[in-house]
Amino acid sequence: MSLVSACASQCTRRRNNIRFVPSYGSVQGADDTLNKLAGNAFDTSSLLIALYRAANIPARYAYGTVELSSKLGSDTI
């Protein structure tokens, strides 16, 4: 399995099996997110990074803000 295929497989598994819980900040971490199959964006990111690292795939956090013009934002949504 190629690195790209492995990453895509992990992303799909996380998206299909982890229920999103709206909240802000790391609330429970990777272990609890896996055990509860639920978490916010930070928690599911922690889980995905842990799964990548366990598979010897380098992974790290990236955090930022996207700013869109009102025209582009309305076209995107």
PDB file of N, CA and C in Angstrom:
ATOM      1  N   MET A   1       0.863  -1.181   0.000  1.00  0.00           N
ATOM      2  CA  MET A   1       0.000   0.000   0.000  1.00  0.00           C
ATOM      3  C   MET A   1       0.903   1.235   0.000  1.00  0.00           C
ATOM      4  N   SER A   2       0.630   2.162  -0.888  1.00  0.00           N
ATOM      5  CA  SER A   2       1.428   3.378  -0.963  1.00  0.00           C
ATOM      6  C   SER A   2       1.113   4.311   0.199  1.00  0.00           C
ATOM      7  N   LEU A   3       2.000   5.264   0.438  1.00  0.00           N
ATOM      8  CA  LEU A   3       1.803   6.236   1.506  1.00  0.00           C
ATOM      9  C   LEU A   3       0.518   7.020   1.302  1.00  0.00           C
ATOM     10  N   VAL A   4       0.238   7.416   0.077  1.00  0.00           N
ATOM     11  CA  VAL A   4      -0.985   8.165  -0.231  1.00  0.00           C
ATOM     12  C   VAL A   4      -2.220   7.317   0.039  1.00  0.00           C
ATOM     13  N   SER A   5      -2.190   6.067  -0.358  1.00  0.00           N
ATOM     14  CA  SER A   5      -3.328   5.165  -0.114  1.00  0.00           C
ATOM     15  C   SER A   5      -3.553   4.943   1.373  1.00  0.00           C
ATOM     16  N   ALA A   6      -2.468   4.795   2.120  1.00  0.00           N
ATOM     17  CA  ALA A   6      -2.582   4.598   3.565  1.00  0.00           C
ATOM     18  C   ALA A   6      -3.196   5.822   4.231  1.00  0.00           C
ATOM     19  N   CYS A   7      -2.762   7.013   3.828  1.00  0.00           N
ATOM     20  CA  CYS A   7      -3.308   8.250   4.396  1.00  0.00           C
ATOM     21  C   CYS A   7      -4.788   8.387   4.054  1.00  0.00           C
ATOM     22  N   ALA A   8      -5.131   8.124   2.806  1.00  0.00           N
ATOM     23  CA  ALA A   8      -6.529   8.227   2.377  1.00  0.00           C
ATOM     24  C   ALA A   8      -7.400   7.231   3.126  1.00  0.00           C
ATOM     25  N   SER A   9      -6.888   6.045   3.347  1.00  0.00           N
ATOM     26  CA  SER A   9      -7.636   5.014   4.077  1.00  0.00           C
ATOM     27  C   SER A   9      -7.909   5.449   5.514  1.00  0.00           C
ATOM     28  N   GLN A  10      -6.911   5.999   6.189  1.00  0.00           N
ATOM     29  CA  GLN A  10      -7.086   6.460   7.564  1.00  0.00           C
ATOM     30  C   GLN A  10      -8.084   7.615   7.628  1.00  0.00           C
ATOM     31  N   CYS A  11      -7.992   8.557   6.691  1.00  0.00           N
ATOM     32  CA  CYS A  11      -8.921   9.700   6.656  1.00  0.00           C
ATOM     33  C   CYS A  11     -10.357   9.228   6.467  1.00  0.00           C
ATOM     34  N   THR A  12     -10.550   8.298   5.550  1.00  0.00           N
ATOM     35  CA  THR A  12     -11.891   7.779   5.276  1.00  0.00           C
ATOM     36  C   THR A  12     -12.448   7.049   6.492  1.00  0.00           C
ATOM     37  N   ARG A  13     -11.625   6.242   7.124  1.00  0.00           N
ATOM     38  CA  ARG A  13     -12.064   5.507   8.315  1.00  0.00           C
ATOM     39  C   ARG A  13     -12.482   6.476   9.419  1.00  0.00           C
ATOM     40  N   ARG A  14     -11.700   7.524   9.626  1.00  0.00           N
ATOM     41  CA  ARG A  14     -12.022   8.500  10.659  1.00  0.00           C
ATOM     42  C   ARG A  14     -13.314   9.237  10.323  1.00  0.00           C
ATOM     43  N   ARG A  15     -13.448   9.678   9.082  1.00  0.00           N
ATOM     44  CA  ARG A  15     -14.636  10.429   8.667  1.00  0.00           C
ATOM     45  C   ARG A  15     -15.909   9.590   8.784  1.00  0.00           C
ATOM     46  N   ASN A  16     -15.829   8.325   8.450  1.00  0.00           N
ATOM     47  CA  ASN A  16     -17.015   7.462   8.440  1.00  0.00           C
ATOM     48  C   ASN A  16     -17.386   6.907   9.813  1.00  0.00           C
ATOM     49  N   ASN A  17     -16.464   6.889  10.756  1.00  0.00           N
ATOM     50  CA  ASN A  17     -16.719   6.207  12.020  1.00  0.00           C
ATOM     51  C   ASN A  17     -16.711   7.084  13.261  1.00  0.00           C
ATOM     52  N   ILE A  18     -16.226   8.301  13.167  1.00  0.00           N
ATOM     53  CA  ILE A  18     -16.137   9.175  14.336  1.00  0.00           C
ATOM     54  C   ILE A  18     -17.218  10.251  14.227  1.00  0.00           C
ATOM     55  N   ARG A  19     -18.106  10.305  15.221  1.00  0.00           N
ATOM     56  CA  ARG A  19     -19.187  11.297  15.242  1.00  0.00           C
ATOM     57  C   ARG A  19     -18.631  12.639  15.685  1.00  0.00           C
ATOM     58  N   PHE A  20     -18.996  13.700  14.970  1.00  0.00           N
ATOM     59  CA  PHE A  20     -18.526  15.047  15.299  1.00  0.00           C
ATOM     60  C   PHE A  20     -19.313  15.608  16.482  1.00  0.00           C
ATOM     61  N   VAL A  21     -18.595  16.133  17.451  1.00  0.00           N
ATOM     62  CA  VAL A  21     -19.187  16.784  18.616  1.00  0.00           C
ATOM     63  C   VAL A  21     -18.720  18.235  18.606  1.00  0.00           C
ATOM     64  N   PRO A  22     -19.628  19.197  18.397  1.00  0.00           N
ATOM     65  CA  PRO A  22     -19.203  20.593  18.305  1.00  0.00           C
ATOM     66  C   PRO A  22     -18.736  21.138  19.655  1.00  0.00           C
ATOM     67  N   SER A  23     -17.468  21.490  19.721  1.00  0.00           N
ATOM     68  CA  SER A  23     -16.869  22.149  20.878  1.00  0.00           C
ATOM     69  C   SER A  23     -15.522  22.689  20.421  1.00  0.00           C
ATOM     70  N   TYR A  24     -14.850  23.445  21.268  1.00  0.00           N
ATOM     71  CA  TYR A  24     -13.592  24.061  20.869  1.00  0.00           C
ATOM     72  C   TYR A  24     -12.454  23.580  21.761  1.00  0.00           C
ATOM     73  N   GLY A  25     -11.319  23.363  21.161  1.00  0.00           N
ATOM     74  CA  GLY A  25     -10.135  22.951  21.902  1.00  0.00           C
ATOM     75  C   GLY A  25     -10.065  21.446  22.049  1.00  0.00           C
ATOM     76  N   SER A  26      -8.913  20.988  22.467  1.00  0.00           N
ATOM     77  CA  SER A  26      -8.741  19.560  22.680  1.00  0.00           C
ATOM     78  C   SER A  26      -9.431  19.178  23.976  1.00  0.00           C
ATOM     79  N   VAL A  27     -10.540  18.485  23.869  1.00  0.00           N
ATOM     80  CA  VAL A  27     -11.363  18.147  25.025  1.00  0.00           C
ATOM     81  C   VAL A  27     -10.972  16.785  25.594  1.00  0.00           C
ATOM     82  N   GLN A  28     -10.756  15.796  24.726  1.00  0.00           N
ATOM     83  CA  GLN A  28     -10.537  14.440  25.233  1.00  0.00           C
ATOM     84  C   GLN A  28      -9.312  13.751  24.678  1.00  0.00           C
ATOM     85  N   GLY A  29      -8.735  14.198  23.603  1.00  0.00           N
ATOM     86  CA  GLY A  29      -7.544  13.559  23.059  1.00  0.00           C
ATOM     87  C   GLY A  29      -7.843  12.337  22.218  1.00  0.00           C
ATOM     88  N   ALA A  30      -6.772  11.748  21.693  1.00  0.00           N
ATOM     89  CA  ALA A  30      -6.899  10.639  20.743  1.00  0.00           C
ATOM     90  C   ALA A  30      -7.496   9.376  21.371  1.00  0.00           C
ATOM     91  N   ASP A  31      -7.038   9.012  22.569  1.00  0.00           N
ATOM     92  CA  ASP A  31      -7.511   7.766  23.187  1.00  0.00           C
ATOM     93  C   ASP A  31      -9.015   7.780  23.439  1.00  0.00           C
ATOM     94  N   ASP A  32      -9.496   8.836  24.078  1.00  0.00           N
ATOM     95  CA  ASP A  32     -10.935   8.908  24.363  1.00  0.00           C
ATOM     96  C   ASP A  32     -11.761   9.039  23.093  1.00  0.00           C
ATOM     97  N   THR A  33     -11.236   9.745  22.097  1.00  0.00           N
ATOM     98  CA  THR A  33     -11.952   9.880  20.830  1.00  0.00           C
ATOM     99  C   THR A  33     -12.138   8.517  20.184  1.00  0.00           C
ATOM    100  N   LEU A  34     -11.101   7.700  20.213  1.00  0.00           N
ATOM    101  CA  LEU A  34     -11.200   6.345  19.657  1.00  0.00           C
ATOM    102  C   LEU A  34     -12.156   5.489  20.481  1.00  0.00           C
ATOM    103  N   ASN A  35     -12.072   5.572  21.798  1.00  0.00           N
ATOM    104  CA  ASN A  35     -12.942   4.766  22.659  1.00  0.00           C
ATOM    105  C   ASN A  35     -14.411   5.158  22.544  1.00  0.00           C
ATOM    106  N   LYS A  36     -14.685   6.445  22.431  1.00  0.00           N
ATOM    107  CA  LYS A  36     -16.064   6.939  22.370  1.00  0.00           C
ATOM    108  C   LYS A  36     -16.592   7.063  20.952  1.00  0.00           C
ATOM    109  N   LEU A  37     -15.696   6.950  19.964  1.00  0.00           N
ATOM    110  CA  LEU A  37     -16.026   7.146  18.548  1.00  0.00           C
ATOM    111  C   LEU A  37     -16.732   8.486  18.327  1.00  0.00           C
ATOM    112  N   ALA A  38     -16.285   9.509  19.055  1.00  0.00           N
ATOM    113  CA  ALA A  38     -16.853  10.851  18.936  1.00  0.00           C
ATOM    114  C   ALA A  38     -15.820  11.857  19.413  1.00  0.00           C
ATOM    115  N   GLY A  39     -15.839  13.049  18.795  1.00  0.00           N
ATOM    116  CA  GLY A  39     -14.936  14.101  19.218  1.00  0.00           C
ATOM    117  C   GLY A  39     -15.075  15.320  18.342  1.00  0.00           C
ATOM    118  N   ASN A  40     -14.466  16.415  18.788  1.00  0.00           N
ATOM    119  CA  ASN A  40     -14.482  17.638  17.986  1.00  0.00           C
ATOM    120  C   ASN A  40     -13.336  17.603  16.977  1.00  0.00           C
ATOM    121  N   ALA A  41     -13.140  18.702  16.262  1.00  0.00           N
ATOM    122  CA  ALA A  41     -12.130  18.738  15.205  1.00  0.00           C
ATOM    123  C   ALA A  41     -10.720  18.514  15.759  1.00  0.00           C
ATOM    124  N   PHE A  42     -10.412  19.114  16.903  1.00  0.00           N
ATOM    125  CA  PHE A  42      -9.091  18.927  17.502  1.00  0.00           C
ATOM    126  C   PHE A  42      -8.881  17.477  17.919  1.00  0.00           C
ATOM    127  N   ASP A  43      -9.878  16.896  18.561  1.00  0.00           N
ATOM    128  CA  ASP A  43      -9.768  15.517  19.034  1.00  0.00           C
ATOM    129  C   ASP A  43      -9.627  14.529  17.879  1.00  0.00           C
ATOM    130  N   THR A  44     -10.406  14.713  16.832  1.00  0.00           N
ATOM    131  CA  THR A  44     -10.311  13.790  15.698  1.00  0.00           C
ATOM    132  C   THR A  44      -8.985  13.983  14.962  1.00  0.00           C
ATOM    133  N   SER A  45      -8.470  15.202  14.958  1.00  0.00           N
ATOM    134  CA  SER A  45      -7.141  15.435  14.379  1.00  0.00           C
ATOM    135  C   SER A  45      -6.076  14.726  15.197  1.00  0.00           C
ATOM    136  N   SER A  46      -6.192  14.787  16.509  1.00  0.00           N
ATOM    137  CA  SER A  46      -5.246  14.077  17.387  1.00  0.00           C
ATOM    138  C   SER A  46      -5.279  12.585  17.107  1.00  0.00           C
ATOM    139  N   LEU A  47      -6.475  12.035  16.936  1.00  0.00           N
ATOM    140  CA  LEU A  47      -6.615  10.621  16.630  1.00  0.00           C
ATOM    141  C   LEU A  47      -5.976  10.282  15.288  1.00  0.00           C
ATOM    142  N   LEU A  48      -6.247  11.085  14.281  1.00  0.00           N
ATOM    143  CA  LEU A  48      -5.695  10.823  12.960  1.00  0.00           C
ATOM    144  C   LEU A  48      -4.169  10.892  12.986  1.00  0.00           C
ATOM    145  N   ILE A  49      -3.615  11.868  13.681  1.00  0.00           N
ATOM    146  CA  ILE A  49      -2.159  11.977  13.793  1.00  0.00           C
ATOM    147  C   ILE A  49      -1.592  10.753  14.499  1.00  0.00           C
ATOM    148  N   ALA A  50      -2.239  10.310  15.565  1.00  0.00           N
ATOM    149  CA  ALA A  50      -1.780   9.118  16.283  1.00  0.00           C
ATOM    150  C   ALA A  50      -1.818   7.880  15.382  1.00  0.00           C
ATOM    151  N   LEU A  51      -2.873   7.745  14.587  1.00  0.00           N
ATOM    152  CA  LEU A  51      -2.972   6.602  13.672  1.00  0.00           C
ATOM    153  C   LEU A  51      -1.883   6.663  12.600  1.00  0.00           C
ATOM    154  N   TYR A  52      -1.630   7.848  12.050  1.00  0.00           N
ATOM    155  CA  TYR A  52      -0.552   7.998  11.060  1.00  0.00           C
ATOM    156  C   TYR A  52       0.791   7.623  11.672  1.00  0.00           C
ATOM    157  N   ARG A  53       1.063   8.157  12.862  1.00  0.00           N
ATOM    158  CA  ARG A  53       2.360   7.887  13.494  1.00  0.00           C
ATOM    159  C   ARG A  53       2.515   6.407  13.821  1.00  0.00           C
ATOM    160  N   ALA A  54       1.440   5.750  14.228  1.00  0.00           N
ATOM    161  CA  ALA A  54       1.485   4.310  14.505  1.00  0.00           C
ATOM    162  C   ALA A  54       1.793   3.510  13.245  1.00  0.00           C
ATOM    163  N   ALA A  55       1.417   4.065  12.100  1.00  0.00           N
ATOM    164  CA  ALA A  55       1.692   3.418  10.810  1.00  0.00           C
ATOM    165  C   ALA A  55       3.002   3.913  10.201  1.00  0.00           C
ATOM    166  N   ASN A  56       3.829   4.603  11.010  1.00  0.00           N
ATOM    167  CA  ASN A  56       5.111   5.159  10.552  1.00  0.00           C
ATOM    168  C   ASN A  56       4.952   6.174   9.432  1.00  0.00           C
ATOM    169  N   ILE A  57       3.850   6.888   9.438  1.00  0.00           N
ATOM    170  CA  ILE A  57       3.616   7.969   8.484  1.00  0.00           C
ATOM    171  C   ILE A  57       3.828   9.280   9.248  1.00  0.00           C
ATOM    172  N   PRO A  58       4.769  10.118   8.820  1.00  0.00           N
ATOM    173  CA  PRO A  58       5.010  11.374   9.530  1.00  0.00           C
ATOM    174  C   PRO A  58       3.751  12.242   9.539  1.00  0.00           C
ATOM    175  N   ALA A  59       3.433  12.812  10.693  1.00  0.00           N
ATOM    176  CA  ALA A  59       2.229  13.641  10.814  1.00  0.00           C
ATOM    177  C   ALA A  59       2.464  14.717  11.863  1.00  0.00           C
ATOM    178  N   ARG A  60       1.836  15.883  11.650  1.00  0.00           N
ATOM    179  CA  ARG A  60       1.906  16.969  12.623  1.00  0.00           C
ATOM    180  C   ARG A  60       0.669  17.832  12.482  1.00  0.00           C
ATOM    181  N   TYR A  61       0.454  18.677  13.483  1.00  0.00           N
ATOM    182  CA  TYR A  61      -0.683  19.589  13.457  1.00  0.00           C
ATOM    183  C   TYR A  61      -0.363  20.791  12.576  1.00  0.00           C
ATOM    184  N   ALA A  62      -1.381  21.310  11.925  1.00  0.00           N
ATOM    185  CA  ALA A  62      -1.311  22.596  11.227  1.00  0.00           C
ATOM    186  C   ALA A  62      -2.605  23.320  11.562  1.00  0.00           C
ATOM    187  N   TYR A  63      -2.487  24.549  11.972  1.00  0.00           N
ATOM    188  CA  TYR A  63      -3.654  25.304  12.420  1.00  0.00           C
ATOM    189  C   TYR A  63      -3.596  26.672  11.778  1.00  0.00           C
ATOM    190  N   GLY A  64      -4.729  27.160  11.319  1.00  0.00           N
ATOM    191  CA  GLY A  64      -4.740  28.482  10.705  1.00  0.00           C
ATOM    192  C   GLY A  64      -6.157  28.988  10.510  1.00  0.00           C
ATOM    193  N   THR A  65      -6.227  30.127   9.915  1.00  0.00           N
ATOM    194  CA  THR A  65      -7.499  30.771   9.638  1.00  0.00           C
ATOM    195  C   THR A  65      -7.571  31.061   8.147  1.00  0.00           C
ATOM    196  N   VAL A  66      -8.715  30.811   7.570  1.00  0.00           N
ATOM    197  CA  VAL A  66      -8.943  31.105   6.165  1.00  0.00           C
ATOM    198  C   VAL A  66      -9.865  32.306   6.085  1.00  0.00           C
ATOM    199  N   GLU A  67      -9.454  33.292   5.349  1.00  0.00           N
ATOM    200  CA  GLU A  67     -10.291  34.469   5.146  1.00  0.00           C
ATOM    201  C   GLU A  67     -10.738  34.502   3.689  1.00  0.00           C
ATOM    202  N   LEU A  68     -12.036  34.636   3.472  1.00  0.00           N
ATOM    203  CA  LEU A  68     -12.613  34.661   2.134  1.00  0.00           C
ATOM    204  C   LEU A  68     -13.363  35.967   1.934  1.00  0.00           C
ATOM    205  N   SER A  69     -13.375  36.427   0.708  1.00  0.00           N
ATOM    206  CA  SER A  69     -14.216  37.579   0.403  1.00  0.00           C
ATOM    207  C   SER A  69     -15.671  37.123   0.497  1.00  0.00           C
ATOM    208  N   SER A  70     -16.587  38.058   0.700  1.00  0.00           N
ATOM    209  CA  SER A  70     -17.989  37.666   0.837  1.00  0.00           C
ATOM    210  C   SER A  70     -18.490  36.982  -0.440  1.00  0.00           C
ATOM    211  N   LYS A  71     -18.030  37.407  -1.596  1.00  0.00           N
ATOM    212  CA  LYS A  71     -18.442  36.786  -2.871  1.00  0.00           C
ATOM    213  C   LYS A  71     -17.933  35.350  -2.943  1.00  0.00           C
ATOM    214  N   LEU A  72     -16.651  35.151  -2.671  1.00  0.00           N
ATOM    215  CA  LEU A  72     -16.088  33.818  -2.740  1.00  0.00           C
ATOM    216  C   LEU A  72     -16.691  32.920  -1.660  1.00  0.00           C
ATOM    217  N   GLY A  73     -16.898  33.455  -0.463  1.00  0.00           N
ATOM    218  CA  GLY A  73     -17.493  32.678   0.612  1.00  0.00           C
ATOM    219  C   GLY A  73     -18.894  32.211   0.280  1.00  0.00           C
ATOM    220  N   SER A  74     -19.714  33.090  -0.296  1.00  0.00           N
ATOM    221  CA  SER A  74     -21.091  32.708  -0.631  1.00  0.00           C
ATOM    222  C   SER A  74     -21.111  31.713  -1.794  1.00  0.00           C
ATOM    223  N   ASP A  75     -20.149  31.821  -2.712  1.00  0.00           N
ATOM    224  CA  ASP A  75     -20.076  30.871  -3.820  1.00  0.00           C
ATOM    225  C   ASP A  75     -19.624  29.501  -3.336  1.00  0.00           C
ATOM    226  N   THR A  76     -18.804  29.484  -2.297  1.00  0.00           N
ATOM    227  CA  THR A  76     -18.265  28.228  -1.769  1.00  0.00           C
ATOM    228  C   THR A  76     -19.306  27.487  -0.960  1.00  0.00           C
ATOM    229  N   ILE A  77     -20.093  28.214  -0.194  1.00  0.00           N
ATOM    230  CA  ILE A  77     -21.094  27.586   0.662  1.00  0.00           C
ATOM    231  C   ILE A  77     -22.283  27.299  -0.170  1.00  0.00           C
TER     232      ILE A  77
END
